Amino acid sequence: MKKIEDSNEDQRKARSDAARTPSPHADCCDVDLARRFVLNAGIGLGALSLLDLVGGRRAVAQPAATEAMNVGVLGAGQFPARAKRVIMLHMLGAISHVDTFDYKPMLEKMNGQEIPQSVRETQRLSTMSGGQSAFPIVGPLAPFKRRGESGAWVSDFLPYTAKIADELCFVKSLHTEHVNHDPASKFLHTGFQLAGRPSAGAWVSYALGSDNRDLPNFVVMNSGVSQGVPQDAAIWGPGFLPSHHQGVEFRAATDPVLYVNNPPGVERTDRRELLDALAELARLQYDESHDAEILSRVSQYEMAYRMQASVPEVADISGEPRHVLEMYGPDVEKPGTFARNCLIARRLAERGVKYQTLFGMGWDHHLAIKLAFPPRCREIDQPSAALVLDLKQRGLLDDTLVMFGSEFGRTPFAQGQIDNPLVGRDHHGGCFTWWLAGAGVKAGHAYGETDDFSYNIVKDPVHIHDLNATLLYILGIDHERLTYRFQGRDYRLTDVHGKVVHQILA
């Protein structure tokens, strides 16, 4: 009896601790740990799941109002949020900004001529073009036109994106220190160029929790061919945050999430009994060690159990109206394509998933850019525009932030010989373009300017840390106060840098 009384007292204390709002200097883990202690040491995650999943009841996506157990360490945020969720479209390999959104008549005029040395020497070159003796300009590969009432310049390569130009906010002055894919991608998503730091999606999951107990807070989808561009789970990993905040990868397969379904011969009731027993053992082990990762692992097992029903329901697009499927284009019928992933992203957004990253691969055009670039644009143009329009017609764009861009841009000059049909463009971190749409951003707006060669920024630079600070701000998070103490230091997504770009906010 005394042990039960002590346990009840621990539960009361944990509830009291979890209810407190963390100070700017508090260790966020203390609050998160207390909440998970209530869930596991009190009645057990297995018992909570039992209410919904035993007795023949099917686990289905629950409305946000029914989920109260995971509100993150910040609850509703530190100030009013403009968005509830984020969908990031990352064109991995670096889409060419000079051939899509940053129109420069000078590049047309000087096509084939040498880029001025005074311009080129301001930026770091990659080793792939650094040894060239000549740097001839390659003009835009397709005509640009002004689009919509805003007059935004958009290439003919992207006719569907052109039609929604008035919904978009173009940030043309992004820049990064990195000119190689692996460190640049990690830097974009985690704020650091080496593996081991939490990704932005993990930070958002940690801060704000979940609006749907049956789906992950953070989902990742891939499409296209990597072309050798490095990509690994460190880009969407939890780093030193509790592991249940990591991104969950949805694959183009019969089983979208690995190891979720039961193996042959194992029934759902068997899995339920196993998880209940595991939760009890975990509680005992946690009582001894107070290792939060024990409970984090159990929460992942429980999420996997619930996803056995929720993920197939999300991935099944057979109930979508024909006109919606046609919005996304013919590739939507093919699992694993960018079009299908965009439609699933909308379905996940409807169900309250906080953060999604969709990687569209195949943009590393060191060679044959004139041949390879147009089909890549066709793969992503219609689905990207359809995602924005689909969210808008459902009333979801008002509180969803959609982002489109790359880890860096590409050079306005040739990699290789200008007269070679296999000419390409090299990496360029000095300036590149992203567009944003939805909650909190100015529609039909352009921010930042580059020089006549789209090589240097001449007005309103936006660093990657600034982009991430703004992303968090739109979600109601102060990037300087969302910290996690690890090995004696407080870490954050933006390291010790970053400022919110208020000028792009409506």
Protein backbone atom coordinates (compact mmCIF):
# COMPACT_ATOMS: atom_id res chain seq x y z
CA MET A 1 0.00 0.00 0.00
CA LYS A 2 2.81 2.39 0.81
CA LYS A 3 4.31 1.80 -2.66
CA ILE A 4 0.95 2.67 -4.27
CA GLU A 5 0.63 5.84 -2.17
CA ASP A 6 4.16 6.88 -3.12
CA SER A 7 3.34 6.29 -6.78
CA ASN A 8 0.19 8.40 -6.52
CA GLU A 9 2.16 11.18 -4.89
CA ASP A 10 4.71 11.01 -7.72
CA GLN A 11 1.87 11.30 -10.22
CA ARG A 12 0.45 14.38 -8.51
CA LYS A 13 3.86 16.00 -8.46
CA ALA A 14 4.44 15.17 -12.12
CA ARG A 15 1.10 16.73 -13.10
CA SER A 16 1.97 19.86 -11.18
CA ASP A 17 5.38 20.10 -12.81
CA ALA A 18 4.00 19.51 -16.29
CA ALA A 19 1.41 22.26 -15.88
CA ARG A 20 4.06 24.91 -15.32
CA THR A 21 5.15 27.04 -18.26
CA PRO A 22 8.91 26.68 -18.74
CA SER A 23 10.95 29.82 -18.28
CA PRO A 24 13.20 30.98 -21.11
CA HIS A 25 16.15 29.43 -19.33
CA ALA A 26 14.50 26.23 -18.11
CA ASP A 27 15.57 22.84 -19.33
CA CYS A 28 12.65 21.90 -21.55
CA CYS A 29 13.35 18.23 -21.00
CA ASP A 30 12.17 18.50 -17.39
CA VAL A 31 8.66 19.38 -18.49
CA ASP A 32 8.51 16.84 -21.30
CA LEU A 33 9.79 14.16 -18.96
CA ALA A 34 7.11 14.91 -16.38
CA ARG A 35 4.33 14.65 -18.93
CA ARG A 36 5.60 11.31 -20.20
CA PHE A 37 5.96 10.10 -16.60
CA VAL A 38 2.23 10.69 -16.10
CA LEU A 39 1.38 8.75 -19.26
CA ASN A 40 3.60 5.79 -18.55
CA ALA A 41 4.21 5.47 -14.84
CA GLY A 42 0.65 6.44 -13.97
CA ILE A 43 -1.67 4.26 -16.04
CA GLY A 44 0.65 3.18 -18.81
CA LEU A 45 0.58 3.93 -22.52
CA GLY A 46 -0.71 0.42 -23.05
CA ALA A 47 -3.77 1.11 -20.93
CA LEU A 48 -4.45 4.37 -22.77
CA SER A 49 -4.28 2.60 -26.11
CA LEU A 50 -6.46 -0.21 -24.81
CA LEU A 51 -9.41 2.18 -24.61
CA ASP A 52 -9.36 2.74 -28.36
CA LEU A 53 -7.86 -0.37 -29.83
CA VAL A 54 -9.15 -3.46 -28.00
CA GLY A 55 -12.50 -5.06 -28.54
CA GLY A 56 -12.59 -4.80 -32.31
CA ARG A 57 -12.51 -1.00 -32.48
CA ARG A 58 -10.50 0.25 -35.42
CA ALA A 59 -7.85 2.91 -34.79
CA VAL A 60 -8.73 5.91 -36.95
CA ALA A 61 -7.45 9.44 -37.24
CA GLN A 62 -8.85 11.40 -34.32
CA PRO A 63 -9.85 15.06 -34.46
CA ALA A 64 -7.49 17.43 -32.72
CA ALA A 65 -9.99 18.19 -29.97
CA THR A 66 -9.80 14.63 -28.61
CA GLU A 67 -6.02 14.69 -28.15
CA ALA A 68 -4.91 16.24 -24.89
CA MET A 69 -2.02 14.06 -23.85
CA ASN A 70 0.74 15.51 -26.02
CA VAL A 71 0.83 19.30 -26.09
CA GLY A 72 4.60 19.65 -26.32
CA VAL A 73 6.72 21.65 -23.93
CA LEU A 74 5.20 24.95 -25.08
CA GLY A 75 1.55 23.97 -25.36
CA ALA A 76 -0.03 26.46 -27.76
CA GLY A 77 3.28 28.28 -28.25
CA GLN A 78 4.89 31.37 -26.78
CA PHE A 79 2.72 33.82 -28.68
CA PRO A 80 -0.22 33.58 -31.11
CA ALA A 81 0.61 31.32 -34.02
CA ARG A 82 -0.11 32.16 -37.64
CA ALA A 83 0.15 28.52 -38.72
CA LYS A 84 -0.65 25.16 -37.16
CA ARG A 85 1.44 23.06 -39.52
CA VAL A 86 4.28 23.19 -42.06
CA ILE A 87 4.82 21.43 -45.40
CA MET A 88 8.35 21.88 -46.74
CA LEU A 89 9.06 20.97 -50.36
CA HIS A 90 12.81 20.48 -50.67
CA MET A 91 14.19 20.15 -54.20
CA LEU A 92 17.21 18.13 -53.17
CA GLY A 93 20.26 18.69 -55.33
CA ALA A 94 19.59 22.41 -55.85
CA ILE A 95 17.05 23.66 -58.35
CA SER A 96 18.44 26.47 -60.51
CA HIS A 97 17.07 29.81 -59.33
CA VAL A 98 18.32 31.56 -62.47
CA ASP A 99 16.10 29.28 -64.59
CA THR A 100 12.96 29.49 -62.43
CA PHE A 101 12.32 32.60 -60.32
CA ASP A 102 15.21 35.09 -60.42
CA TYR A 103 15.02 36.64 -63.88
CA LYS A 104 18.03 38.65 -65.04
CA PRO A 105 18.01 40.23 -68.52
CA MET A 106 21.79 40.65 -68.23
CA LEU A 107 22.23 36.89 -68.42
CA GLU A 108 20.33 36.83 -71.70
CA LYS A 109 22.33 39.76 -73.04
CA MET A 110 25.70 38.28 -72.08
CA ASN A 111 24.95 34.64 -72.90
CA GLY A 112 28.25 32.97 -73.83
CA GLN A 113 30.38 35.84 -72.53
CA GLU A 114 32.64 35.69 -69.50
CA ILE A 115 31.09 36.66 -66.17
CA PRO A 116 33.05 39.68 -64.83
CA GLN A 117 35.87 38.61 -62.56
CA SER A 118 34.88 41.30 -60.06
CA VAL A 119 31.50 39.57 -59.70
CA ARG A 120 32.71 35.98 -59.62
CA GLU A 121 35.49 36.47 -57.08
CA THR A 122 33.05 37.59 -54.39
CA GLN A 123 31.83 34.02 -53.81
CA ARG A 124 33.27 30.66 -52.86
CA LEU A 125 33.37 28.12 -55.72
CA SER A 126 33.00 24.39 -55.38
CA THR A 127 35.89 22.16 -56.44
CA MET A 128 33.90 21.06 -59.49
CA SER A 129 34.22 24.40 -61.26
CA GLY A 130 36.94 26.10 -59.23
CA GLY A 131 39.63 24.84 -61.58
CA GLN A 132 38.02 26.16 -64.76
CA SER A 133 39.94 28.72 -66.77
CA ALA A 134 36.77 30.26 -68.21
CA PHE A 135 33.38 31.04 -66.73
CA PRO A 136 31.00 31.81 -69.61
CA ILE A 137 27.46 32.88 -68.76
CA VAL A 138 24.58 30.56 -69.57
CA GLY A 139 21.39 32.57 -70.04
CA PRO A 140 17.98 31.40 -68.77
CA LEU A 141 17.04 28.10 -70.35
CA ALA A 142 13.45 29.20 -70.98
CA PRO A 143 11.66 32.57 -71.30
CA PHE A 144 10.42 34.38 -68.20
CA LYS A 145 7.14 36.28 -67.99
CA ARG A 146 5.45 38.45 -65.40
CA ARG A 147 2.61 36.57 -63.76
CA GLY A 148 -0.63 37.55 -62.08
CA GLU A 149 -1.46 40.91 -60.57
CA SER A 150 1.76 40.86 -58.59
CA GLY A 151 3.87 40.73 -61.75
CA ALA A 152 6.18 38.07 -60.34
CA TRP A 153 8.76 36.73 -62.77
CA VAL A 154 8.30 32.99 -63.30
CA SER A 155 9.89 30.81 -65.99
CA ASP A 156 7.88 29.08 -68.68
CA PHE A 157 9.25 25.85 -67.22
CA LEU A 158 6.70 26.27 -64.39
CA PRO A 159 3.33 27.16 -65.95
CA TYR A 160 1.24 25.85 -63.06
CA THR A 161 3.32 27.67 -60.46
CA ALA A 162 2.99 30.78 -62.63
CA LYS A 163 -0.80 30.59 -62.26
CA ILE A 164 -0.58 30.78 -58.47
CA ALA A 165 2.08 33.51 -58.36
CA ASP A 166 -0.30 35.81 -56.49
CA GLU A 167 -0.49 33.24 -53.67
CA LEU A 168 3.28 33.13 -53.23
CA CYS A 169 5.89 35.14 -51.38
CA PHE A 170 9.24 34.92 -53.19
CA VAL A 171 12.34 35.32 -51.03
CA LYS A 172 15.14 35.89 -53.55
CA SER A 173 18.00 36.59 -51.18
CA LEU A 174 18.54 33.32 -49.31
CA HIS A 175 22.18 32.48 -48.71
CA THR A 176 24.27 29.82 -47.01
CA GLU A 177 27.95 29.24 -46.28
CA HIS A 178 27.90 25.78 -47.83
CA VAL A 179 28.55 24.69 -51.42
CA ASN A 180 28.29 20.90 -50.96
CA HIS A 181 25.01 19.01 -50.66
CA ASP A 182 25.47 17.02 -47.47
CA PRO A 183 26.51 19.87 -45.13
CA ALA A 184 24.14 22.30 -46.85
CA SER A 185 21.12 20.00 -46.45
CA LYS A 186 21.92 19.27 -42.82
CA PHE A 187 22.45 22.98 -42.23
CA LEU A 188 19.09 23.82 -43.80
CA HIS A 189 17.14 21.31 -41.72
CA THR A 190 19.08 21.26 -38.44
CA GLY A 191 21.00 24.54 -38.29
CA PHE A 192 24.33 22.69 -38.26
CA GLN A 193 26.42 21.13 -41.02
CA LEU A 194 27.22 17.86 -39.25
CA ALA A 195 24.94 15.03 -38.19
CA GLY A 196 23.66 14.90 -34.63
CA ARG A 197 21.45 17.96 -34.23
CA PRO A 198 17.63 17.85 -34.18
CA SER A 199 15.87 18.72 -37.40
CA ALA A 200 13.34 21.55 -37.58
CA GLY A 201 10.50 19.02 -37.66
CA ALA A 202 11.79 17.39 -34.48
CA TRP A 203 12.03 20.78 -32.77
CA VAL A 204 8.43 21.57 -33.77
CA SER A 205 7.23 18.18 -32.54
CA TYR A 206 9.05 18.69 -29.25
CA ALA A 207 7.70 22.21 -28.79
CA LEU A 208 4.09 21.82 -29.91
CA GLY A 209 3.29 18.14 -29.59
CA SER A 210 0.63 16.48 -31.71
CA ASP A 211 -2.88 17.21 -32.95
CA ASN A 212 -3.51 13.56 -33.84
CA ARG A 213 -2.57 10.70 -31.56
CA ASP A 214 -2.72 8.12 -34.37
CA LEU A 215 -0.19 9.70 -36.75
CA PRO A 216 3.38 10.91 -36.29
CA ASN A 217 4.01 14.58 -35.56
CA PHE A 218 6.66 14.66 -38.29
CA VAL A 219 6.46 12.84 -41.64
CA VAL A 220 9.06 12.57 -44.43
CA MET A 221 8.47 11.49 -48.05
CA ASN A 222 10.92 11.02 -50.92
CA SER A 223 10.46 10.98 -54.68
CA GLY A 224 12.76 10.92 -57.68
CA VAL A 225 16.32 9.65 -58.13
CA SER A 226 19.07 11.01 -55.89
CA GLN A 227 21.76 11.22 -58.63
CA GLY A 228 24.29 10.48 -55.91
CA VAL A 229 23.31 13.48 -53.77
CA PRO A 230 23.75 12.41 -50.13
CA GLN A 231 20.62 12.02 -48.07
CA ASP A 232 20.27 10.22 -44.76
CA ALA A 233 18.00 10.12 -41.74
CA ALA A 234 20.16 12.70 -39.94
CA ILE A 235 18.30 15.34 -41.98
CA TRP A 236 15.05 14.40 -40.25
CA GLY A 237 16.47 12.89 -37.07
CA PRO A 238 15.81 13.91 -33.45
CA GLY A 239 19.45 14.49 -32.58
CA PHE A 240 19.64 14.72 -28.80
CA LEU A 241 15.88 15.25 -28.39
CA PRO A 242 13.80 12.26 -27.25
CA SER A 243 13.72 9.82 -30.14
CA HIS A 244 9.95 9.85 -30.66
CA HIS A 245 10.31 13.32 -32.18
CA GLN A 246 12.18 12.02 -35.23
CA GLY A 247 10.61 12.11 -38.68
CA VAL A 248 8.78 8.99 -39.83
CA GLU A 249 9.49 8.10 -43.45
CA PHE A 250 6.53 7.16 -45.63
CA ARG A 251 7.69 4.91 -48.48
CA ALA A 252 6.23 4.13 -51.90
CA ALA A 253 5.30 0.56 -50.99
CA THR A 254 2.45 -1.65 -49.88
CA ASP A 255 3.61 -0.95 -46.33
CA PRO A 256 4.39 2.81 -46.31
CA VAL A 257 6.12 2.60 -42.92
CA LEU A 258 8.67 -0.12 -42.25
CA TYR A 259 8.04 -2.67 -39.49
CA VAL A 260 4.60 -1.31 -38.56
CA ASN A 261 2.54 -4.30 -39.69
CA ASN A 262 2.51 -7.55 -37.77
CA PRO A 263 4.65 -10.41 -39.10
CA PRO A 264 2.92 -13.58 -40.32
CA GLY A 265 1.28 -15.52 -37.52
CA VAL A 266 1.01 -12.54 -35.14
CA GLU A 267 -2.50 -11.26 -34.48
CA ARG A 268 -3.40 -7.73 -33.44
CA THR A 269 -4.48 -8.96 -30.01
CA ASP A 270 -1.06 -10.59 -29.60
CA ARG A 271 0.63 -7.29 -30.38
CA ARG A 272 -1.64 -5.54 -27.87
CA GLU A 273 -0.78 -7.96 -25.08
CA LEU A 274 2.93 -7.64 -25.88
CA LEU A 275 2.83 -3.85 -25.73
CA ASP A 276 0.89 -3.86 -22.46
CA ALA A 277 3.50 -6.12 -20.91
CA LEU A 278 6.31 -4.02 -22.37
CA ALA A 279 4.79 -0.83 -20.95
CA GLU A 280 4.68 -2.38 -17.49
CA LEU A 281 8.31 -3.50 -17.71
CA ALA A 282 9.30 -0.07 -18.98
CA ARG A 283 7.57 1.55 -16.04
CA LEU A 284 9.53 -0.58 -13.61
CA GLN A 285 12.78 0.12 -15.42
CA TYR A 286 12.05 3.84 -15.53
CA ASP A 287 11.34 3.86 -11.78
CA GLU A 288 14.88 2.60 -11.29
CA SER A 289 16.81 4.55 -13.91
CA HIS A 290 14.68 7.64 -14.70
CA ASP A 291 15.97 7.36 -18.27
CA ALA A 292 13.48 9.27 -20.42
CA GLU A 293 14.48 7.33 -23.52
CA ILE A 294 12.83 4.21 -22.06
CA LEU A 295 9.45 5.89 -22.16
CA SER A 296 10.18 7.50 -25.51
CA ARG A 297 10.78 4.08 -27.04
CA VAL A 298 7.52 2.74 -25.62
CA SER A 299 5.65 5.71 -27.03
CA GLN A 300 7.09 4.83 -30.46
CA TYR A 301 5.89 1.24 -30.12
CA GLU A 302 2.42 2.51 -29.30
CA MET A 303 2.46 4.92 -32.22
CA ALA A 304 3.45 2.07 -34.53
CA TYR A 305 0.50 0.06 -33.22
CA ARG A 306 -1.94 2.86 -33.95
CA MET A 307 -0.39 3.50 -37.37
CA GLN A 308 -1.33 -0.03 -38.42
CA ALA A 309 -4.79 1.42 -39.03
CA SER A 310 -4.17 5.13 -39.57
CA VAL A 311 -1.40 4.98 -42.19
CA PRO A 312 -3.21 2.74 -44.71
CA GLU A 313 -6.23 5.02 -44.43
CA VAL A 314 -4.14 8.11 -45.22
CA ALA A 315 -2.26 6.41 -48.07
CA ASP A 316 -5.46 5.20 -49.73
CA ILE A 317 -6.45 7.89 -52.24
CA SER A 318 -9.19 5.83 -53.90
CA GLY A 319 -11.86 7.99 -52.30
CA GLU A 320 -10.50 11.25 -53.69
CA PRO A 321 -12.78 12.90 -56.29
CA ARG A 322 -11.60 12.71 -59.87
CA HIS A 323 -11.29 16.49 -60.19
CA VAL A 324 -8.91 16.54 -57.23
CA LEU A 325 -6.73 13.81 -58.71
CA GLU A 326 -6.63 15.70 -61.99
CA MET A 327 -5.41 18.82 -60.16
CA TYR A 328 -2.23 16.99 -59.15
CA GLY A 329 -1.57 15.59 -62.62
CA PRO A 330 -1.27 12.07 -64.07
CA ASP A 331 1.64 11.05 -61.83
CA VAL A 332 -0.68 11.12 -58.82
CA GLU A 333 -1.79 7.61 -59.78
CA LYS A 334 1.77 6.31 -59.26
CA PRO A 335 2.90 5.62 -55.67
CA GLY A 336 6.16 7.32 -54.73
CA THR A 337 5.90 10.17 -57.21
CA PHE A 338 6.10 13.78 -56.13
CA ALA A 339 2.49 14.23 -57.21
CA ARG A 340 1.26 11.36 -55.02
CA ASN A 341 3.32 12.62 -52.10
CA CYS A 342 1.83 16.11 -52.42
CA LEU A 343 -1.69 14.67 -52.28
CA ILE A 344 -0.81 12.54 -49.25
CA ALA A 345 0.70 15.65 -47.67
CA ARG A 346 -2.64 17.40 -48.00
CA ARG A 347 -4.39 14.38 -46.45
CA LEU A 348 -1.92 14.39 -43.56
CA ALA A 349 -2.41 18.14 -43.08
CA GLU A 350 -6.16 17.55 -42.82
CA ARG A 351 -5.47 15.06 -40.06
CA GLY A 352 -3.35 17.43 -38.01
CA VAL A 353 0.22 16.32 -38.77
CA LYS A 354 2.42 19.20 -37.61
CA TYR A 355 5.42 19.01 -39.92
CA GLN A 356 6.10 17.38 -43.27
CA THR A 357 9.16 17.38 -45.49
CA LEU A 358 8.78 16.24 -49.10
CA PHE A 359 12.06 15.67 -50.92
CA GLY A 360 11.94 15.98 -54.69
CA MET A 361 15.27 14.57 -55.84
CA GLY A 362 17.14 14.83 -59.13
CA TRP A 363 18.21 18.50 -59.29
CA ASP A 364 22.00 18.20 -59.29
CA HIS A 365 22.56 19.34 -62.86
CA HIS A 366 26.31 19.56 -63.26
CA LEU A 367 25.82 17.95 -66.66
CA ALA A 368 23.17 18.17 -69.36
CA ILE A 369 21.04 20.76 -67.60
CA LYS A 370 19.38 21.72 -70.89
CA LEU A 371 18.16 18.14 -71.31
CA ALA A 372 17.44 17.17 -67.71
CA PHE A 373 15.93 20.35 -66.27
CA PRO A 374 12.62 20.51 -68.22
CA PRO A 375 11.36 17.02 -67.22
CA ARG A 376 12.27 17.63 -63.58
CA CYS A 377 10.20 20.82 -63.67
CA ARG A 378 7.23 18.98 -65.16
CA GLU A 379 7.36 16.44 -62.33
CA ILE A 380 7.05 19.03 -59.55
CA ASP A 381 5.30 22.04 -61.11
CA GLN A 382 1.69 20.90 -61.27
CA PRO A 383 1.72 19.00 -57.93
CA SER A 384 3.28 21.92 -56.02
CA ALA A 385 0.69 24.34 -57.36
CA ALA A 386 -2.11 21.83 -56.77
CA LEU A 387 -1.07 21.40 -53.13
CA VAL A 388 -1.41 25.14 -52.53
CA LEU A 389 -4.75 25.35 -54.34
CA ASP A 390 -6.11 22.20 -52.69
CA LEU A 391 -5.23 23.49 -49.23
CA LYS A 392 -6.82 26.82 -50.09
CA GLN A 393 -10.12 25.38 -51.33
CA ARG A 394 -10.41 23.37 -48.10
CA GLY A 395 -9.69 26.36 -45.86
CA LEU A 396 -6.38 24.83 -44.73
CA LEU A 397 -4.00 27.29 -46.38
CA ASP A 398 -4.95 29.92 -43.81
CA ASP A 399 -3.13 27.96 -41.11
CA THR A 400 -0.62 25.93 -43.14
CA LEU A 401 2.80 27.19 -44.15
CA VAL A 402 4.03 25.74 -47.45
CA MET A 403 7.70 26.26 -48.35
CA PHE A 404 9.52 25.43 -51.60
CA GLY A 405 13.26 25.61 -52.23
CA SER A 406 16.69 23.99 -52.12
CA GLU A 407 19.79 23.75 -49.94
CA PHE A 408 21.47 26.31 -52.26
CA GLY A 409 21.22 27.61 -55.83
CA ARG A 410 23.21 27.18 -59.03
CA THR A 411 25.73 29.31 -60.88
CA PRO A 412 24.77 31.64 -63.75
CA PHE A 413 27.93 30.52 -65.54
CA ALA A 414 28.66 27.19 -67.15
CA GLN A 415 30.24 24.18 -65.58
CA GLY A 416 32.19 22.78 -68.49
CA GLN A 417 32.41 24.10 -72.04
CA ILE A 418 29.68 26.48 -73.13
CA ASP A 419 29.42 24.84 -76.57
CA ASN A 420 29.08 21.33 -75.13
CA PRO A 421 25.48 20.04 -75.24
CA LEU A 422 26.17 18.44 -71.86
CA VAL A 423 26.99 21.76 -70.20
CA GLY A 424 25.72 22.20 -66.65
CA ARG A 425 25.59 24.62 -63.74
CA ASP A 426 27.59 24.26 -60.53
CA HIS A 427 26.51 24.80 -56.89
CA HIS A 428 26.05 28.34 -55.62
CA GLY A 429 25.36 29.30 -52.00
CA GLY A 430 25.70 33.05 -52.40
CA CYS A 431 22.06 33.60 -53.36
CA PHE A 432 19.02 31.53 -54.23
CA THR A 433 15.23 31.71 -54.11
CA TRP A 434 12.53 30.13 -51.97
CA TRP A 435 8.81 30.68 -52.16
CA LEU A 436 6.42 30.52 -49.24
CA ALA A 437 2.63 30.35 -49.22
CA GLY A 438 -0.15 30.26 -46.68
CA ALA A 439 -0.45 31.32 -43.09
CA GLY A 440 1.32 34.45 -42.06
CA VAL A 441 3.15 35.38 -45.28
CA LYS A 442 2.47 38.15 -47.76
CA ALA A 443 0.89 36.76 -50.91
CA GLY A 444 2.02 38.19 -54.23
CA HIS A 445 5.16 39.63 -52.67
CA ALA A 446 8.88 39.50 -53.48
CA TYR A 447 11.57 40.13 -50.89
CA GLY A 448 15.30 40.61 -51.37
CA GLU A 449 17.29 41.42 -54.50
CA THR A 450 20.33 40.02 -56.24
CA ASP A 451 22.72 41.69 -58.67
CA ASP A 452 22.38 41.69 -62.45
CA PHE A 453 23.98 38.23 -62.61
CA SER A 454 21.94 36.62 -59.81
CA TYR A 455 25.26 35.95 -58.11
CA ASN A 456 25.43 38.36 -55.16
CA ILE A 457 22.77 39.78 -52.86
CA VAL A 458 22.36 43.54 -53.06
CA LYS A 459 19.36 44.03 -50.77
CA ASP A 460 17.77 42.32 -47.76
CA PRO A 461 19.85 39.15 -47.31
CA VAL A 462 18.14 36.21 -45.60
CA HIS A 463 20.36 33.59 -44.02
CA ILE A 464 19.25 29.99 -43.47
CA HIS A 465 19.09 30.73 -39.74
CA ASP A 466 16.74 33.63 -40.54
CA LEU A 467 14.52 31.31 -42.56
CA ASN A 468 14.29 28.87 -39.66
CA ALA A 469 13.70 31.64 -37.14
CA THR A 470 10.82 32.89 -39.29
CA LEU A 471 9.40 29.38 -39.69
CA LEU A 472 9.27 28.96 -35.91
CA TYR A 473 7.83 32.45 -35.43
CA ILE A 474 4.95 31.65 -37.79
CA LEU A 475 4.21 28.63 -35.58
CA GLY A 476 4.16 30.83 -32.47
CA ILE A 477 7.65 29.89 -31.27
CA ASP A 478 10.45 32.25 -30.21
CA HIS A 479 13.54 30.65 -31.76
CA GLU A 480 15.78 32.13 -29.04
CA ARG A 481 13.73 30.57 -26.24
CA LEU A 482 13.11 27.09 -27.63
CA THR A 483 16.18 25.39 -26.19
CA TYR A 484 17.27 21.97 -24.99
CA ARG A 485 20.12 21.39 -22.55
CA PHE A 486 22.55 18.76 -23.75
CA GLN A 487 26.03 18.06 -22.39
CA GLY A 488 25.98 21.24 -20.33
CA ARG A 489 24.88 23.62 -23.07
CA ASP A 490 21.53 25.02 -24.22
CA TYR A 491 21.02 24.25 -27.93
CA ARG A 492 18.49 25.65 -30.34
CA LEU A 493 17.63 25.27 -34.04
CA THR A 494 19.21 28.60 -34.97
CA ASP A 495 22.33 28.09 -32.84
CA VAL A 496 23.28 31.63 -31.67
CA HIS A 497 22.09 33.35 -34.84
CA GLY A 498 18.94 34.11 -36.78
CA LYS A 499 16.38 36.88 -36.92
CA VAL A 500 12.74 36.79 -37.91
CA VAL A 501 12.07 38.29 -41.34
CA HIS A 502 9.02 40.33 -40.34
CA GLN A 503 8.93 42.05 -43.74
CA ILE A 504 7.49 38.95 -45.42
CA LEU A 505 4.69 38.54 -42.86
CA ALA A 506 1.21 39.83 -43.52
